[in-house]
Amino acid sequence: IKNDVPEETWLSEAIAEYAVTLLG
């Protein structure tokens, strides 16, 4: 929305996967 740059799916999913660990 801010940068008009859609992330590649694999990296988008990777970041979301790490969030689970980050939140404990």
mmCIF file of all heavy atoms, coordinates in Angstrom:
data_MODEL
# 
_entry.id   MODEL 
# 
loop_
_atom_site.group_PDB 
_atom_site.id 
_atom_site.type_symbol 
_atom_site.label_atom_id 
_atom_site.label_alt_id 
_atom_site.label_comp_id 
_atom_site.label_asym_id 
_atom_site.label_entity_id 
_atom_site.label_seq_id 
_atom_site.pdbx_PDB_ins_code 
_atom_site.Cartn_x 
_atom_site.Cartn_y 
_atom_site.Cartn_z 
_atom_site.occupancy 
_atom_site.B_iso_or_equiv 
_atom_site.pdbx_formal_charge 
_atom_site.auth_seq_id 
_atom_site.auth_comp_id 
_atom_site.auth_asym_id 
_atom_site.auth_atom_id 
_atom_site.pdbx_PDB_model_num 
ATOM 1   N N   . ILE A 1 1  ? 0.825  -1.210  0.000  1.00 0.00 ? 1  ILE A N   1 
ATOM 2   C CA  . ILE A 1 1  ? 0.000  0.000   0.000  1.00 0.00 ? 1  ILE A CA  1 
ATOM 3   C C   . ILE A 1 1  ? 0.864  1.266   0.000  1.00 0.00 ? 1  ILE A C   1 
ATOM 4   O O   . ILE A 1 1  ? 0.644  2.188   -0.779 1.00 0.00 ? 1  ILE A O   1 
ATOM 5   C CB  . ILE A 1 1  ? -0.957 0.003   1.210  1.00 0.00 ? 1  ILE A CB  1 
ATOM 6   C CG1 . ILE A 1 1  ? -1.971 -1.136  1.054  1.00 0.00 ? 1  ILE A CG1 1 
ATOM 7   C CG2 . ILE A 1 1  ? -1.674 1.352   1.337  1.00 0.00 ? 1  ILE A CG2 1 
ATOM 8   C CD1 . ILE A 1 1  ? -2.925 -1.271  2.215  1.00 0.00 ? 1  ILE A CD1 1 
ATOM 9   N N   . LYS A 1 2  ? 1.886  1.299   0.868  1.00 0.00 ? 2  LYS A N   1 
ATOM 10  C CA  . LYS A 1 2  ? 2.736  2.494   0.947  1.00 0.00 ? 2  LYS A CA  1 
ATOM 11  C C   . LYS A 1 2  ? 3.679  2.629   -0.236 1.00 0.00 ? 2  LYS A C   1 
ATOM 12  O O   . LYS A 1 2  ? 3.877  3.733   -0.749 1.00 0.00 ? 2  LYS A O   1 
ATOM 13  C CB  . LYS A 1 2  ? 3.549  2.463   2.245  1.00 0.00 ? 2  LYS A CB  1 
ATOM 14  C CG  . LYS A 1 2  ? 2.753  2.773   3.499  1.00 0.00 ? 2  LYS A CG  1 
ATOM 15  C CD  . LYS A 1 2  ? 3.672  2.873   4.710  1.00 0.00 ? 2  LYS A CD  1 
ATOM 16  C CE  . LYS A 1 2  ? 2.903  3.291   5.949  1.00 0.00 ? 2  LYS A CE  1 
ATOM 17  N NZ  . LYS A 1 2  ? 3.780  3.403   7.142  1.00 0.00 ? 2  LYS A NZ  1 
ATOM 18  N N   . ASN A 1 3  ? 4.272  1.538   -0.669 1.00 0.00 ? 3  ASN A N   1 
ATOM 19  C CA  . ASN A 1 3  ? 5.319  1.599   -1.696 1.00 0.00 ? 3  ASN A CA  1 
ATOM 20  C C   . ASN A 1 3  ? 4.894  1.039   -3.041 1.00 0.00 ? 3  ASN A C   1 
ATOM 21  O O   . ASN A 1 3  ? 5.663  1.101   -4.003 1.00 0.00 ? 3  ASN A O   1 
ATOM 22  C CB  . ASN A 1 3  ? 6.569  0.853   -1.222 1.00 0.00 ? 3  ASN A CB  1 
ATOM 23  C CG  . ASN A 1 3  ? 7.194  1.483   0.000  1.00 0.00 ? 3  ASN A CG  1 
ATOM 24  O OD1 . ASN A 1 3  ? 7.100  2.692   0.193  1.00 0.00 ? 3  ASN A OD1 1 
ATOM 25  N ND2 . ASN A 1 3  ? 7.830  0.670   0.837  1.00 0.00 ? 3  ASN A ND2 1 
ATOM 26  N N   . ASP A 1 4  ? 3.695  0.482   -3.100 1.00 0.00 ? 4  ASP A N   1 
ATOM 27  C CA  . ASP A 1 4  ? 3.198  -0.132  -4.345 1.00 0.00 ? 4  ASP A CA  1 
ATOM 28  C C   . ASP A 1 4  ? 4.156  -1.211  -4.857 1.00 0.00 ? 4  ASP A C   1 
ATOM 29  O O   . ASP A 1 4  ? 4.456  -1.306  -6.044 1.00 0.00 ? 4  ASP A O   1 
ATOM 30  C CB  . ASP A 1 4  ? 2.997  0.938   -5.425 1.00 0.00 ? 4  ASP A CB  1 
ATOM 31  C CG  . ASP A 1 4  ? 2.176  0.399   -6.599 1.00 0.00 ? 4  ASP A CG  1 
ATOM 32  O OD1 . ASP A 1 4  ? 1.368  -0.532  -6.386 1.00 0.00 ? 4  ASP A OD1 1 
ATOM 33  O OD2 . ASP A 1 4  ? 2.369  0.893   -7.728 1.00 0.00 ? 4  ASP A OD2 1 
ATOM 34  N N   . VAL A 1 5  ? 4.670  -2.007  -3.913 1.00 0.00 ? 5  VAL A N   1 
ATOM 35  C CA  . VAL A 1 5  ? 5.612  -3.081  -4.243 1.00 0.00 ? 5  VAL A CA  1 
ATOM 36  C C   . VAL A 1 5  ? 5.098  -4.387  -3.638 1.00 0.00 ? 5  VAL A C   1 
ATOM 37  O O   . VAL A 1 5  ? 5.293  -4.637  -2.439 1.00 0.00 ? 5  VAL A O   1 
ATOM 38  C CB  . VAL A 1 5  ? 7.027  -2.785  -3.699 1.00 0.00 ? 5  VAL A CB  1 
ATOM 39  C CG1 . VAL A 1 5  ? 7.988  -3.920  -4.080 1.00 0.00 ? 5  VAL A CG1 1 
ATOM 40  C CG2 . VAL A 1 5  ? 7.536  -1.455  -4.210 1.00 0.00 ? 5  VAL A CG2 1 
ATOM 41  N N   . PRO A 1 6  ? 4.412  -5.244  -4.406 1.00 0.00 ? 6  PRO A N   1 
ATOM 42  C CA  . PRO A 1 6  ? 3.956  -6.535  -3.874 1.00 0.00 ? 6  PRO A CA  1 
ATOM 43  C C   . PRO A 1 6  ? 5.156  -7.462  -3.619 1.00 0.00 ? 6  PRO A C   1 
ATOM 44  O O   . PRO A 1 6  ? 5.995  -7.647  -4.508 1.00 0.00 ? 6  PRO A O   1 
ATOM 45  C CB  . PRO A 1 6  ? 3.057  -7.101  -4.982 1.00 0.00 ? 6  PRO A CB  1 
ATOM 46  C CG  . PRO A 1 6  ? 2.809  -5.959  -5.922 1.00 0.00 ? 6  PRO A CG  1 
ATOM 47  C CD  . PRO A 1 6  ? 3.995  -5.045  -5.797 1.00 0.00 ? 6  PRO A CD  1 
ATOM 48  N N   . GLU A 1 7  ? 5.245  -8.010  -2.412 1.00 0.00 ? 7  GLU A N   1 
ATOM 49  C CA  . GLU A 1 7  ? 6.352  -8.893  -2.075 1.00 0.00 ? 7  GLU A CA  1 
ATOM 50  C C   . GLU A 1 7  ? 6.182  -10.247 -2.752 1.00 0.00 ? 7  GLU A C   1 
ATOM 51  O O   . GLU A 1 7  ? 5.066  -10.691 -3.032 1.00 0.00 ? 7  GLU A O   1 
ATOM 52  C CB  . GLU A 1 7  ? 6.430  -9.080  -0.553 1.00 0.00 ? 7  GLU A CB  1 
ATOM 53  C CG  . GLU A 1 7  ? 7.625  -9.892  -0.064 1.00 0.00 ? 7  GLU A CG  1 
ATOM 54  C CD  . GLU A 1 7  ? 8.961  -9.337  -0.538 1.00 0.00 ? 7  GLU A CD  1 
ATOM 55  O OE1 . GLU A 1 7  ? 9.528  -8.476  0.164  1.00 0.00 ? 7  GLU A OE1 1 
ATOM 56  O OE2 . GLU A 1 7  ? 9.417  -9.773  -1.618 1.00 0.00 ? 7  GLU A OE2 1 
ATOM 57  N N   . GLU A 1 8  ? 7.327  -10.904 -3.047 1.00 0.00 ? 8  GLU A N   1 
ATOM 58  C CA  . GLU A 1 8  ? 7.273  -12.266 -3.591 1.00 0.00 ? 8  GLU A CA  1 
ATOM 59  C C   . GLU A 1 8  ? 6.685  -13.193 -2.539 1.00 0.00 ? 8  GLU A C   1 
ATOM 60  O O   . GLU A 1 8  ? 6.966  -13.055 -1.338 1.00 0.00 ? 8  GLU A O   1 
ATOM 61  C CB  . GLU A 1 8  ? 8.666  -12.725 -4.002 1.00 0.00 ? 8  GLU A CB  1 
ATOM 62  C CG  . GLU A 1 8  ? 9.224  -11.949 -5.184 1.00 0.00 ? 8  GLU A CG  1 
ATOM 63  C CD  . GLU A 1 8  ? 10.603 -12.428 -5.607 1.00 0.00 ? 8  GLU A CD  1 
ATOM 64  O OE1 . GLU A 1 8  ? 10.984 -13.565 -5.231 1.00 0.00 ? 8  GLU A OE1 1 
ATOM 65  O OE2 . GLU A 1 8  ? 11.297 -11.671 -6.305 1.00 0.00 ? 8  GLU A OE2 1 
ATOM 66  N N   . THR A 1 9  ? 5.884  -14.146 -2.980 1.00 0.00 ? 9  THR A N   1 
ATOM 67  C CA  . THR A 1 9  ? 5.108  -14.972 -2.054 1.00 0.00 ? 9  THR A CA  1 
ATOM 68  C C   . THR A 1 9  ? 5.988  -15.702 -1.059 1.00 0.00 ? 9  THR A C   1 
ATOM 69  O O   . THR A 1 9  ? 5.695  -15.746 0.141  1.00 0.00 ? 9  THR A O   1 
ATOM 70  C CB  . THR A 1 9  ? 4.253  -15.991 -2.833 1.00 0.00 ? 9  THR A CB  1 
ATOM 71  O OG1 . THR A 1 9  ? 3.419  -15.292 -3.750 1.00 0.00 ? 9  THR A OG1 1 
ATOM 72  C CG2 . THR A 1 9  ? 3.391  -16.808 -1.883 1.00 0.00 ? 9  THR A CG2 1 
ATOM 73  N N   . TRP A 1 10 ? 7.108  -16.280 -1.514 1.00 0.00 ? 10 TRP A N   1 
ATOM 74  C CA  . TRP A 1 10 ? 7.936  -17.091 -0.614 1.00 0.00 ? 10 TRP A CA  1 
ATOM 75  C C   . TRP A 1 10 ? 8.483  -16.273 0.545  1.00 0.00 ? 10 TRP A C   1 
ATOM 76  O O   . TRP A 1 10 ? 8.504  -16.729 1.694  1.00 0.00 ? 10 TRP A O   1 
ATOM 77  C CB  . TRP A 1 10 ? 9.075  -17.762 -1.384 1.00 0.00 ? 10 TRP A CB  1 
ATOM 78  C CG  . TRP A 1 10 ? 10.183 -16.839 -1.802 1.00 0.00 ? 10 TRP A CG  1 
ATOM 79  C CD1 . TRP A 1 10 ? 10.277 -16.118 -2.955 1.00 0.00 ? 10 TRP A CD1 1 
ATOM 80  C CD2 . TRP A 1 10 ? 11.353 -16.513 -1.031 1.00 0.00 ? 10 TRP A CD2 1 
ATOM 81  N NE1 . TRP A 1 10 ? 11.422 -15.358 -2.967 1.00 0.00 ? 10 TRP A NE1 1 
ATOM 82  C CE2 . TRP A 1 10 ? 12.110 -15.587 -1.806 1.00 0.00 ? 10 TRP A CE2 1 
ATOM 83  C CE3 . TRP A 1 10 ? 11.849 -16.915 0.203  1.00 0.00 ? 10 TRP A CE3 1 
ATOM 84  C CZ2 . TRP A 1 10 ? 13.324 -15.053 -1.369 1.00 0.00 ? 10 TRP A CZ2 1 
ATOM 85  C CZ3 . TRP A 1 10 ? 13.056 -16.377 0.657  1.00 0.00 ? 10 TRP A CZ3 1 
ATOM 86  C CH2 . TRP A 1 10 ? 13.779 -15.469 -0.122 1.00 0.00 ? 10 TRP A CH2 1 
ATOM 87  N N   . LEU A 1 11 ? 8.899  -15.015 0.275  1.00 0.00 ? 11 LEU A N   1 
ATOM 88  C CA  . LEU A 1 11 ? 9.444  -14.178 1.341  1.00 0.00 ? 11 LEU A CA  1 
ATOM 89  C C   . LEU A 1 11 ? 8.327  -13.646 2.231  1.00 0.00 ? 11 LEU A C   1 
ATOM 90  O O   . LEU A 1 11 ? 8.489  -13.548 3.452  1.00 0.00 ? 11 LEU A O   1 
ATOM 91  C CB  . LEU A 1 11 ? 10.260 -13.027 0.760  1.00 0.00 ? 11 LEU A CB  1 
ATOM 92  C CG  . LEU A 1 11 ? 10.947 -12.111 1.776  1.00 0.00 ? 11 LEU A CG  1 
ATOM 93  C CD1 . LEU A 1 11 ? 11.802 -12.918 2.753  1.00 0.00 ? 11 LEU A CD1 1 
ATOM 94  C CD2 . LEU A 1 11 ? 11.796 -11.055 1.073  1.00 0.00 ? 11 LEU A CD2 1 
ATOM 95  N N   . SER A 1 12 ? 7.185  -13.326 1.640  1.00 0.00 ? 12 SER A N   1 
ATOM 96  C CA  . SER A 1 12 ? 6.036  -12.894 2.423  1.00 0.00 ? 12 SER A CA  1 
ATOM 97  C C   . SER A 1 12 ? 5.633  -13.975 3.422  1.00 0.00 ? 12 SER A C   1 
ATOM 98  O O   . SER A 1 12 ? 5.383  -13.694 4.606  1.00 0.00 ? 12 SER A O   1 
ATOM 99  C CB  . SER A 1 12 ? 4.858  -12.570 1.492  1.00 0.00 ? 12 SER A CB  1 
ATOM 100 O OG  . SER A 1 12 ? 3.698  -12.280 2.237  1.00 0.00 ? 12 SER A OG  1 
ATOM 101 N N   . GLU A 1 13 ? 5.591  -15.219 2.965  1.00 0.00 ? 13 GLU A N   1 
ATOM 102 C CA  . GLU A 1 13 ? 5.227  -16.321 3.854  1.00 0.00 ? 13 GLU A CA  1 
ATOM 103 C C   . GLU A 1 13 ? 6.323  -16.584 4.893  1.00 0.00 ? 13 GLU A C   1 
ATOM 104 O O   . GLU A 1 13 ? 6.037  -16.929 6.042  1.00 0.00 ? 13 GLU A O   1 
ATOM 105 C CB  . GLU A 1 13 ? 4.964  -17.581 3.045  1.00 0.00 ? 13 GLU A CB  1 
ATOM 106 C CG  . GLU A 1 13 ? 3.760  -17.501 2.110  1.00 0.00 ? 13 GLU A CG  1 
ATOM 107 C CD  . GLU A 1 13 ? 2.441  -17.370 2.855  1.00 0.00 ? 13 GLU A CD  1 
ATOM 108 O OE1 . GLU A 1 13 ? 2.408  -17.665 4.071  1.00 0.00 ? 13 GLU A OE1 1 
ATOM 109 O OE2 . GLU A 1 13 ? 1.448  -16.957 2.228  1.00 0.00 ? 13 GLU A OE2 1 
ATOM 110 N N   . ALA A 1 14 ? 7.573  -16.417 4.503  1.00 0.00 ? 14 ALA A N   1 
ATOM 111 C CA  . ALA A 1 14 ? 8.684  -16.626 5.434  1.00 0.00 ? 14 ALA A CA  1 
ATOM 112 C C   . ALA A 1 14 ? 8.608  -15.630 6.596  1.00 0.00 ? 14 ALA A C   1 
ATOM 113 O O   . ALA A 1 14 ? 8.782  -16.003 7.769  1.00 0.00 ? 14 ALA A O   1 
ATOM 114 C CB  . ALA A 1 14 ? 10.016 -16.495 4.705  1.00 0.00 ? 14 ALA A CB  1 
ATOM 115 N N   . ILE A 1 15 ? 8.348  -14.370 6.283  1.00 0.00 ? 15 ILE A N   1 
ATOM 116 C CA  . ILE A 1 15 ? 8.252  -13.347 7.329  1.00 0.00 ? 15 ILE A CA  1 
ATOM 117 C C   . ILE A 1 15 ? 7.094  -13.660 8.275  1.00 0.00 ? 15 ILE A C   1 
ATOM 118 O O   . ILE A 1 15 ? 7.213  -13.545 9.505  1.00 0.00 ? 15 ILE A O   1 
ATOM 119 C CB  . ILE A 1 15 ? 8.080  -11.951 6.696  1.00 0.00 ? 15 ILE A CB  1 
ATOM 120 C CG1 . ILE A 1 15 ? 9.350  -11.574 5.921  1.00 0.00 ? 15 ILE A CG1 1 
ATOM 121 C CG2 . ILE A 1 15 ? 7.758  -10.899 7.755  1.00 0.00 ? 15 ILE A CG2 1 
ATOM 122 C CD1 . ILE A 1 15 ? 9.214  -10.327 5.068  1.00 0.00 ? 15 ILE A CD1 1 
ATOM 123 N N   . ALA A 1 16 ? 5.963  -14.072 7.709  1.00 0.00 ? 16 ALA A N   1 
ATOM 124 C CA  . ALA A 1 16 ? 4.804  -14.421 8.537  1.00 0.00 ? 16 ALA A CA  1 
ATOM 125 C C   . ALA A 1 16 ? 5.088  -15.640 9.404  1.00 0.00 ? 16 ALA A C   1 
ATOM 126 O O   . ALA A 1 16 ? 4.605  -15.737 10.539 1.00 0.00 ? 16 ALA A O   1 
ATOM 127 C CB  . ALA A 1 16 ? 3.587  -14.675 7.648  1.00 0.00 ? 16 ALA A CB  1 
ATOM 128 N N   . GLU A 1 17 ? 5.885  -16.564 8.897  1.00 0.00 ? 17 GLU A N   1 
ATOM 129 C CA  . GLU A 1 17 ? 6.256  -17.743 9.681  1.00 0.00 ? 17 GLU A CA  1 
ATOM 130 C C   . GLU A 1 17 ? 7.105  -17.347 10.885 1.00 0.00 ? 17 GLU A C   1 
ATOM 131 O O   . GLU A 1 17 ? 6.922  -17.878 11.991 1.00 0.00 ? 17 GLU A O   1 
ATOM 132 C CB  . GLU A 1 17 ? 7.032  -18.737 8.809  1.00 0.00 ? 17 GLU A CB  1 
ATOM 133 C CG  . GLU A 1 17 ? 6.183  -19.518 7.824  1.00 0.00 ? 17 GLU A CG  1 
ATOM 134 C CD  . GLU A 1 17 ? 5.268  -20.508 8.513  1.00 0.00 ? 17 GLU A CD  1 
ATOM 135 O OE1 . GLU A 1 17 ? 5.780  -21.466 9.130  1.00 0.00 ? 17 GLU A OE1 1 
ATOM 136 O OE2 . GLU A 1 17 ? 4.046  -20.310 8.468  1.00 0.00 ? 17 GLU A OE2 1 
ATOM 137 N N   . TYR A 1 18 ? 8.020  -16.411 10.694 1.00 0.00 ? 18 TYR A N   1 
ATOM 138 C CA  . TYR A 1 18 ? 8.887  -16.032 11.810 1.00 0.00 ? 18 TYR A CA  1 
ATOM 139 C C   . TYR A 1 18 ? 8.129  -15.265 12.885 1.00 0.00 ? 18 TYR A C   1 
ATOM 140 O O   . TYR A 1 18 ? 8.496  -15.309 14.072 1.00 0.00 ? 18 TYR A O   1 
ATOM 141 C CB  . TYR A 1 18 ? 10.082 -15.201 11.330 1.00 0.00 ? 18 TYR A CB  1 
ATOM 142 C CG  . TYR A 1 18 ? 11.078 -15.011 12.447 1.00 0.00 ? 18 TYR A CG  1 
ATOM 143 C CD1 . TYR A 1 18 ? 11.930 -16.044 12.811 1.00 0.00 ? 18 TYR A CD1 1 
ATOM 144 C CD2 . TYR A 1 18 ? 11.107 -13.827 13.183 1.00 0.00 ? 18 TYR A CD2 1 
ATOM 145 C CE1 . TYR A 1 18 ? 12.811 -15.905 13.874 1.00 0.00 ? 18 TYR A CE1 1 
ATOM 146 C CE2 . TYR A 1 18 ? 11.984 -13.675 14.252 1.00 0.00 ? 18 TYR A CE2 1 
ATOM 147 C CZ  . TYR A 1 18 ? 12.829 -14.720 14.587 1.00 0.00 ? 18 TYR A CZ  1 
ATOM 148 O OH  . TYR A 1 18 ? 13.678 -14.598 15.657 1.00 0.00 ? 18 TYR A OH  1 
ATOM 149 N N   . ALA A 1 19 ? 7.064  -14.575 12.494 1.00 0.00 ? 19 ALA A N   1 
ATOM 150 C CA  . ALA A 1 19 ? 6.294  -13.799 13.473 1.00 0.00 ? 19 ALA A CA  1 
ATOM 151 C C   . ALA A 1 19 ? 5.776  -14.682 14.604 1.00 0.00 ? 19 ALA A C   1 
ATOM 152 O O   . ALA A 1 19 ? 5.683  -14.239 15.759 1.00 0.00 ? 19 ALA A O   1 
ATOM 153 C CB  . ALA A 1 19 ? 5.124  -13.113 12.773 1.00 0.00 ? 19 ALA A CB  1 
ATOM 154 N N   . VAL A 1 20 ? 5.440  -15.922 14.312 1.00 0.00 ? 20 VAL A N   1 
ATOM 155 C CA  . VAL A 1 20 ? 4.936  -16.850 15.329 1.00 0.00 ? 20 VAL A CA  1 
ATOM 156 C C   . VAL A 1 20 ? 5.986  -17.074 16.414 1.00 0.00 ? 20 VAL A C   1 
ATOM 157 O O   . VAL A 1 20 ? 5.680  -17.059 17.613 1.00 0.00 ? 20 VAL A O   1 
ATOM 158 C CB  . VAL A 1 20 ? 4.532  -18.194 14.685 1.00 0.00 ? 20 VAL A CB  1 
ATOM 159 C CG1 . VAL A 1 20 ? 4.039  -19.172 15.743 1.00 0.00 ? 20 VAL A CG1 1 
ATOM 160 C CG2 . VAL A 1 20 ? 3.451  -17.981 13.620 1.00 0.00 ? 20 VAL A CG2 1 
ATOM 161 N N   . THR A 1 21 ? 7.233  -17.250 15.998 1.00 0.00 ? 21 THR A N   1 
ATOM 162 C CA  . THR A 1 21 ? 8.330  -17.416 16.958 1.00 0.00 ? 21 THR A CA  1 
ATOM 163 C C   . THR A 1 21 ? 8.600  -16.108 17.699 1.00 0.00 ? 21 THR A C   1 
ATOM 164 O O   . THR A 1 21 ? 8.822  -16.104 18.918 1.00 0.00 ? 21 THR A O   1 
ATOM 165 C CB  . THR A 1 21 ? 9.604  -17.882 16.233 1.00 0.00 ? 21 THR A CB  1 
ATOM 166 O OG1 . THR A 1 21 ? 9.382  -19.197 15.694 1.00 0.00 ? 21 THR A OG1 1 
ATOM 167 C CG2 . THR A 1 21 ? 10.795 -17.934 17.175 1.00 0.00 ? 21 THR A CG2 1 
ATOM 168 N N   . LEU A 1 22 ? 8.575  -14.996 16.984 1.00 0.00 ? 22 LEU A N   1 
ATOM 169 C CA  . LEU A 1 22 ? 8.837  -13.687 17.592 1.00 0.00 ? 22 LEU A CA  1 
ATOM 170 C C   . LEU A 1 22 ? 7.864  -13.402 18.727 1.00 0.00 ? 22 LEU A C   1 
ATOM 171 O O   . LEU A 1 22 ? 8.237  -12.816 19.749 1.00 0.00 ? 22 LEU A O   1 
ATOM 172 C CB  . LEU A 1 22 ? 8.738  -12.595 16.522 1.00 0.00 ? 22 LEU A CB  1 
ATOM 173 C CG  . LEU A 1 22 ? 8.993  -11.159 16.978 1.00 0.00 ? 22 LEU A CG  1 
ATOM 174 C CD1 . LEU A 1 22 ? 10.427 -10.992 17.457 1.00 0.00 ? 22 LEU A CD1 1 
ATOM 175 C CD2 . LEU A 1 22 ? 8.691  -10.188 15.846 1.00 0.00 ? 22 LEU A CD2 1 
ATOM 176 N N   . LEU A 1 23 ? 6.612  -13.841 18.590 1.00 0.00 ? 23 LEU A N   1 
ATOM 177 C CA  . LEU A 1 23 ? 5.594  -13.596 19.605 1.00 0.00 ? 23 LEU A CA  1 
ATOM 178 C C   . LEU A 1 23 ? 5.612  -14.621 20.730 1.00 0.00 ? 23 LEU A C   1 
ATOM 179 O O   . LEU A 1 23 ? 4.795  -14.556 21.653 1.00 0.00 ? 23 LEU A O   1 
ATOM 180 C CB  . LEU A 1 23 ? 4.210  -13.570 18.949 1.00 0.00 ? 23 LEU A CB  1 
ATOM 181 C CG  . LEU A 1 23 ? 3.982  -12.387 17.990 1.00 0.00 ? 23 LEU A CG  1 
ATOM 182 C CD1 . LEU A 1 23 ? 2.663  -12.526 17.266 1.00 0.00 ? 23 LEU A CD1 1 
ATOM 183 C CD2 . LEU A 1 23 ? 4.048  -11.070 18.749 1.00 0.00 ? 23 LEU A CD2 1 
ATOM 184 N N   . GLY A 1 24 ? 6.546  -15.592 20.656 1.00 0.00 ? 24 GLY A N   1 
ATOM 185 C CA  . GLY A 1 24 ? 6.726  -16.525 21.760 1.00 0.00 ? 24 GLY A CA  1 
ATOM 186 C C   . GLY A 1 24 ? 5.778  -17.697 21.786 1.00 0.00 ? 24 GLY A C   1 
ATOM 187 O O   . GLY A 1 24 ? 5.582  -18.332 22.834 1.00 0.00 ? 24 GLY A O   1 
# 
